[in-house]
Amino acid sequence: MNRTLIVSIFIFFNAVFVFSQQTDSLRIKMLEDKITANLQFATVNPEKAFLQTEYLMEQVKREGYKEGELILLARQCFYFINKDLKKAINANQKLRTKAEEYGSAYYQAAVHEIFSIIYVRSDLGDKALEECEAAIKLFDQVNDKSKMQDVVIHKVNVYTIANEVYTGKKKSKEAVKMLLKANNEIKKLKKSEKKRFILRANYTNLAGSYIAFNIDSAEYYVNQSVLLLKNDGKSDIVQFNNNLHLGKIYKQRKDYVKAIISYKKAEGQLSYINSTLESTNLIYTDLAEIYKKTDSLEPGKSLFAKTTI
């Protein structure tokens, strides 16, 4: 199975670190600038950026800056999600304790969102769904107007996580329902490049979920995603998945020429995106099967040799 794009995991970094209120304190403003700079540094050097969060944590505690503390705790959670799930759980429990102590529905909801990601990565789908449900309920209770756009992004992320769980359970229609809910949330976002990217990715994920039972709808959503593609010729994970989906769609229709073209396009994008081994093997396995069906034995043997399944 080609895993669902959890694009909002990265968007979460931009969402959760928005400061909710203006302050007249010069020291707090300086801390906000440092926290924002740390976020930007994390995209370049996550290890050193994480070490900075420890230093910044001491400063926010000394100033009694509660939101800064919650921001840094959440950032540490996401650092550990990509490194060590046990440490991610411990970090998220610390975030939960502080979110409850400070009465923040927003960060309490984020705790459930983070746990849902942890459970998905631990192959505990039912627990992930419980966390998704809890996260949505709490995000719906957030009344801080400065955070409403961020709440939308978090809800999209949660619905995408739920989609992945249902996809793993082979409940494709339930998976589609989650992404249609995500689509309704995306409509609430202000027009921006971020909205464009999230919508593109959600259309692509919808295509992936529809392939299991309705390839016409799958093709429709691939086309919707492609329409939102910038005309700059750059490859990204969304377009890579679009080509994979088209390959599968045309293969099901036995339109093997178009299927081969789509898979070859995806293959050409492998060096530009951080693809999974699963996706790479899917390309070569399906191409080999197509060549076998069309009696193209030599290309088929070569592609079977490339697979690691």
Protein backbone atom coordinates (compact mmCIF):
# COMPACT_ATOMS: atom_id res chain seq x y z
CA MET A 1 0.00 0.00 0.00
CA ASN A 2 1.28 3.45 -0.91
CA ARG A 3 1.02 5.36 2.36
CA THR A 4 -1.19 8.40 2.59
CA LEU A 5 0.55 11.74 2.43
CA ILE A 6 0.52 13.21 5.94
CA VAL A 7 1.43 16.61 4.64
CA SER A 8 0.06 18.49 7.62
CA ILE A 9 2.68 17.02 9.89
CA PHE A 10 5.05 19.56 8.42
CA ILE A 11 2.45 22.29 8.26
CA PHE A 12 1.86 21.68 11.97
CA PHE A 13 5.22 23.32 12.66
CA ASN A 14 3.96 26.53 11.10
CA ALA A 15 0.54 26.26 12.69
CA VAL A 16 1.25 25.47 16.30
CA PHE A 17 3.95 28.11 16.64
CA VAL A 18 1.74 31.08 15.87
CA PHE A 19 1.62 33.42 18.83
CA SER A 20 -1.94 34.14 19.85
CA GLN A 21 -1.69 37.59 21.37
CA GLN A 22 0.37 40.74 20.97
CA THR A 23 2.56 41.70 23.90
CA ASP A 24 4.18 44.92 25.03
CA SER A 25 6.98 43.08 26.81
CA LEU A 26 10.26 43.54 24.96
CA ARG A 27 11.69 40.41 26.56
CA ILE A 28 8.72 38.30 25.44
CA LYS A 29 8.96 39.69 21.91
CA MET A 30 12.64 38.79 21.83
CA LEU A 31 11.75 35.26 22.97
CA GLU A 32 9.11 34.99 20.25
CA ASP A 33 11.71 35.99 17.66
CA LYS A 34 14.13 33.37 18.99
CA ILE A 35 11.43 30.67 18.93
CA THR A 36 10.50 31.59 15.36
CA ALA A 37 14.18 31.54 14.32
CA ASN A 38 14.55 28.13 15.97
CA LEU A 39 11.67 26.80 13.85
CA GLN A 40 13.36 27.99 10.66
CA PHE A 41 16.69 26.52 11.81
CA ALA A 42 14.96 23.16 12.43
CA THR A 43 14.38 22.74 8.70
CA VAL A 44 18.15 23.02 8.13
CA ASN A 45 19.65 21.39 11.21
CA PRO A 46 17.03 19.63 13.37
CA GLU A 47 19.60 18.27 15.82
CA LYS A 48 21.06 21.63 16.78
CA ALA A 49 17.62 23.24 16.68
CA PHE A 50 16.42 20.69 19.22
CA LEU A 51 19.31 21.55 21.53
CA GLN A 52 18.29 25.19 21.23
CA THR A 53 14.79 24.34 22.46
CA GLU A 54 16.28 23.20 25.78
CA TYR A 55 18.02 26.57 26.21
CA LEU A 56 14.90 28.47 25.12
CA MET A 57 12.80 26.43 27.54
CA GLU A 58 14.83 27.75 30.45
CA GLN A 59 14.22 31.32 29.26
CA VAL A 60 10.45 31.00 28.78
CA LYS A 61 10.07 29.41 32.20
CA ARG A 62 12.10 32.20 33.78
CA GLU A 63 9.83 34.79 32.14
CA GLY A 64 6.66 32.84 32.98
CA TYR A 65 5.83 32.75 29.25
CA LYS A 66 3.31 29.90 29.17
CA GLU A 67 2.54 29.87 25.46
CA GLY A 68 6.24 29.82 24.62
CA GLU A 69 6.62 26.82 26.90
CA LEU A 70 3.77 24.97 25.18
CA ILE A 71 5.17 25.80 21.76
CA LEU A 72 8.58 24.39 22.64
CA LEU A 73 7.13 21.27 24.23
CA ALA A 74 5.10 20.58 21.09
CA ARG A 75 8.17 21.13 18.94
CA GLN A 76 10.11 18.62 21.00
CA CYS A 77 7.30 16.08 20.54
CA PHE A 78 7.62 16.30 16.78
CA TYR A 79 11.37 16.03 16.93
CA PHE A 80 11.10 12.76 18.83
CA ILE A 81 8.33 11.40 16.58
CA ASN A 82 10.94 11.19 13.84
CA LYS A 83 13.61 9.78 16.17
CA ASP A 84 12.27 7.77 19.10
CA LEU A 85 8.59 7.04 19.70
CA LYS A 86 9.08 6.25 23.40
CA LYS A 87 10.65 9.65 23.93
CA ALA A 88 7.88 11.19 21.83
CA ILE A 89 5.31 9.67 24.20
CA ASN A 90 7.14 11.03 27.24
CA ALA A 91 7.42 14.48 25.65
CA ASN A 92 3.74 14.46 24.73
CA GLN A 93 2.77 13.52 28.28
CA LYS A 94 4.71 16.57 29.49
CA LEU A 95 2.82 18.68 26.96
CA ARG A 96 -0.48 17.23 28.19
CA THR A 97 0.35 18.08 31.81
CA LYS A 98 1.19 21.69 30.96
CA ALA A 99 -1.72 22.13 28.52
CA GLU A 100 -4.15 21.01 31.22
CA GLU A 101 -2.43 23.13 33.88
CA TYR A 102 -2.64 26.23 31.67
CA GLY A 103 -6.19 25.43 30.49
CA SER A 104 -5.35 25.41 26.78
CA ALA A 105 -7.90 23.48 24.70
CA TYR A 106 -5.74 24.11 21.63
CA TYR A 107 -2.70 22.32 23.04
CA GLN A 108 -4.79 19.63 24.71
CA ALA A 109 -6.19 18.89 21.25
CA ALA A 110 -2.66 18.91 19.83
CA VAL A 111 -1.70 16.27 22.41
CA HIS A 112 -4.36 13.92 21.01
CA GLU A 113 -3.26 14.73 17.46
CA ILE A 114 0.35 13.86 18.33
CA PHE A 115 -0.72 10.63 20.02
CA SER A 116 -2.71 9.70 16.90
CA ILE A 117 0.46 10.02 14.81
CA ILE A 118 2.45 7.98 17.33
CA TYR A 119 -0.19 5.21 17.30
CA VAL A 120 -0.32 5.15 13.48
CA ARG A 121 3.44 4.72 13.36
CA SER A 122 3.13 1.98 15.96
CA ASP A 123 0.46 0.17 13.87
CA LEU A 124 -2.18 0.72 16.58
CA GLY A 125 -4.97 1.88 14.32
CA ASP A 126 -7.88 1.66 16.74
CA LYS A 127 -6.05 3.72 19.34
CA ALA A 128 -5.13 6.25 16.66
CA LEU A 129 -8.80 6.63 15.72
CA GLU A 130 -9.74 7.22 19.37
CA GLU A 131 -7.14 9.98 19.55
CA CYS A 132 -8.37 11.48 16.28
CA GLU A 133 -11.91 11.67 17.62
CA ALA A 134 -10.73 13.28 20.87
CA ALA A 135 -8.58 15.78 18.95
CA ILE A 136 -11.45 16.91 16.71
CA LYS A 137 -13.76 17.43 19.70
CA LEU A 138 -11.18 19.60 21.47
CA PHE A 139 -10.21 21.58 18.38
CA ASP A 140 -13.91 22.39 17.95
CA GLN A 141 -13.85 23.92 21.44
CA VAL A 142 -11.03 26.36 20.68
CA ASN A 143 -12.43 29.90 20.71
CA ASP A 144 -9.20 31.89 20.26
CA LYS A 145 -9.90 33.74 17.00
CA SER A 146 -6.18 34.18 16.30
CA LYS A 147 -5.81 30.40 16.06
CA MET A 148 -8.82 29.49 13.93
CA GLN A 149 -6.86 29.07 10.67
CA ASP A 150 -4.38 26.87 12.50
CA VAL A 151 -7.21 24.82 13.99
CA VAL A 152 -8.42 24.11 10.45
CA ILE A 153 -4.98 22.84 9.44
CA HIS A 154 -4.79 20.60 12.49
CA LYS A 155 -8.23 19.14 11.75
CA VAL A 156 -7.16 18.40 8.17
CA ASN A 157 -4.14 16.61 9.57
CA VAL A 158 -6.28 14.57 11.98
CA TYR A 159 -8.71 13.54 9.23
CA THR A 160 -5.74 12.55 7.05
CA ILE A 161 -4.39 10.37 9.85
CA ALA A 162 -7.81 8.73 10.24
CA ASN A 163 -7.83 8.16 6.49
CA GLU A 164 -4.55 6.29 6.74
CA VAL A 165 -5.92 4.06 9.49
CA TYR A 166 -9.01 3.16 7.46
CA THR A 167 -6.86 2.60 4.38
CA GLY A 168 -4.75 0.15 6.37
CA LYS A 169 -7.93 -1.60 7.48
CA LYS A 170 -9.00 -1.77 3.81
CA LYS A 171 -12.10 0.29 4.60
CA SER A 172 -11.72 2.52 1.57
CA LYS A 173 -15.16 4.14 1.75
CA GLU A 174 -14.56 5.20 5.35
CA ALA A 175 -11.14 6.45 4.29
CA VAL A 176 -12.75 8.61 1.60
CA LYS A 177 -15.24 10.04 4.13
CA MET A 178 -12.36 11.29 6.26
CA LEU A 179 -10.76 13.11 3.34
CA LEU A 180 -14.06 14.64 2.25
CA LYS A 181 -14.34 16.05 5.77
CA ALA A 182 -10.81 17.37 5.37
CA ASN A 183 -11.87 19.00 2.10
CA ASN A 184 -14.67 20.84 3.88
CA GLU A 185 -12.15 22.17 6.39
CA ILE A 186 -9.71 23.28 3.69
CA LYS A 187 -12.44 25.48 2.18
CA LYS A 188 -12.29 27.57 5.38
CA LEU A 189 -8.66 28.51 4.81
CA LYS A 190 -7.77 31.89 3.41
CA LYS A 191 -6.40 31.90 -0.10
CA SER A 192 -2.67 31.23 0.07
CA GLU A 193 0.07 28.97 -1.26
CA LYS A 194 -0.33 26.87 1.88
CA LYS A 195 -4.03 26.30 1.10
CA ARG A 196 -3.16 25.45 -2.50
CA PHE A 197 -0.63 22.83 -1.42
CA ILE A 198 -2.91 21.26 1.22
CA LEU A 199 -5.78 21.04 -1.27
CA ARG A 200 -3.50 19.48 -3.91
CA ALA A 201 -2.33 16.87 -1.42
CA ASN A 202 -5.84 16.11 -0.22
CA TYR A 203 -7.07 15.60 -3.79
CA THR A 204 -4.16 13.21 -4.35
CA ASN A 205 -5.00 11.30 -1.18
CA LEU A 206 -8.65 11.11 -2.27
CA ALA A 207 -7.52 9.60 -5.56
CA GLY A 208 -5.50 7.00 -3.67
CA SER A 209 -8.49 6.04 -1.53
CA TYR A 210 -10.94 5.90 -4.45
CA ILE A 211 -8.69 3.57 -6.50
CA ALA A 212 -9.85 0.62 -4.41
CA PHE A 213 -13.48 0.90 -5.55
CA ASN A 214 -14.03 3.73 -8.06
CA ILE A 215 -11.25 4.45 -10.55
CA ASP A 216 -13.28 7.13 -12.36
CA SER A 217 -13.46 9.16 -9.14
CA ALA A 218 -9.79 8.42 -8.54
CA GLU A 219 -8.90 9.86 -11.94
CA TYR A 220 -11.11 12.90 -11.30
CA TYR A 221 -9.25 13.76 -8.11
CA VAL A 222 -5.84 13.23 -9.70
CA ASN A 223 -6.88 15.73 -12.36
CA GLN A 224 -8.10 18.17 -9.70
CA SER A 225 -4.73 17.92 -7.99
CA VAL A 226 -2.83 18.44 -11.23
CA LEU A 227 -4.88 21.57 -11.99
CA LEU A 228 -3.45 23.13 -8.82
CA LEU A 229 0.13 22.27 -9.77
CA LYS A 230 2.37 25.28 -10.27
CA ASN A 231 3.67 25.50 -13.81
CA ASP A 232 7.31 25.60 -12.71
CA GLY A 233 8.28 22.09 -13.73
CA LYS A 234 9.31 21.10 -10.18
CA SER A 235 8.65 17.59 -8.92
CA ASP A 236 7.27 17.01 -5.44
CA ILE A 237 5.77 14.17 -3.42
CA VAL A 238 2.24 15.13 -4.45
CA GLN A 239 2.93 14.92 -8.17
CA PHE A 240 4.91 11.73 -7.63
CA ASN A 241 1.84 10.15 -6.00
CA ASN A 242 -0.38 11.47 -8.79
CA ASN A 243 1.73 9.60 -11.33
CA LEU A 244 1.63 6.45 -9.19
CA HIS A 245 -2.16 6.69 -8.96
CA LEU A 246 -2.48 7.21 -12.71
CA GLY A 247 -0.28 4.18 -13.31
CA LYS A 248 -2.59 2.05 -11.16
CA ILE A 249 -5.73 3.51 -12.77
CA TYR A 250 -4.52 2.81 -16.32
CA LYS A 251 -3.29 -0.64 -15.32
CA GLN A 252 -6.77 -1.52 -14.01
CA ARG A 253 -8.25 -0.29 -17.29
CA LYS A 254 -5.66 -2.38 -19.18
CA ASP A 255 -4.48 0.77 -20.93
CA TYR A 256 -0.91 -0.42 -20.59
CA VAL A 257 0.77 2.23 -22.73
CA LYS A 258 -0.56 5.04 -20.53
CA ALA A 259 0.19 3.01 -17.41
CA ILE A 260 3.82 2.60 -18.46
CA ILE A 261 4.12 6.33 -19.23
CA SER A 262 2.74 7.23 -15.79
CA TYR A 263 4.99 4.82 -13.93
CA LYS A 264 8.03 5.99 -15.89
CA LYS A 265 7.20 9.58 -14.94
CA ALA A 266 7.05 8.52 -11.29
CA GLU A 267 10.35 6.66 -11.67
CA GLY A 268 11.93 9.81 -13.07
CA GLN A 269 10.90 11.71 -9.94
CA LEU A 270 12.46 9.27 -7.45
CA SER A 271 15.68 11.26 -7.19
CA TYR A 272 13.78 14.46 -6.39
CA ILE A 273 11.56 13.25 -3.59
CA ASN A 274 11.99 11.26 -0.39
CA SER A 275 10.05 8.24 -1.62
CA THR A 276 9.44 5.12 0.41
CA LEU A 277 10.91 1.76 -0.54
CA GLU A 278 7.31 0.59 -0.83
CA SER A 279 6.55 3.19 -3.52
CA THR A 280 9.74 2.39 -5.43
CA ASN A 281 8.98 -1.32 -5.42
CA LEU A 282 5.41 -0.65 -6.51
CA ILE A 283 6.64 1.11 -9.64
CA TYR A 284 8.98 -1.71 -10.65
CA THR A 285 6.62 -4.54 -9.70
CA ASP A 286 3.69 -3.08 -11.65
CA LEU A 287 5.85 -2.23 -14.64
CA ALA A 288 7.26 -5.76 -14.67
CA GLU A 289 3.73 -7.21 -14.57
CA ILE A 290 2.66 -4.96 -17.44
CA TYR A 291 5.65 -5.94 -19.56
CA LYS A 292 4.92 -9.61 -18.83
CA LYS A 293 1.30 -9.21 -19.91
CA THR A 294 2.38 -7.45 -23.08
CA ASP A 295 5.11 -10.04 -23.80
CA SER A 296 7.92 -7.54 -23.29
CA LEU A 297 10.10 -10.06 -21.47
CA GLU A 298 13.47 -8.32 -21.37
CA PRO A 299 12.20 -5.08 -19.76
CA GLY A 300 10.16 -7.21 -17.38
CA LYS A 301 13.15 -9.27 -16.22
CA SER A 302 15.18 -6.11 -15.67
CA LEU A 303 12.45 -4.51 -13.55
CA PHE A 304 11.87 -7.63 -11.47
CA ALA A 305 15.59 -7.54 -10.65
CA LYS A 306 15.19 -3.97 -9.34
CA THR A 307 12.51 -4.85 -6.82
CA THR A 308 13.41 -5.74 -3.25
CA ILE A 309 10.11 -7.36 -2.34
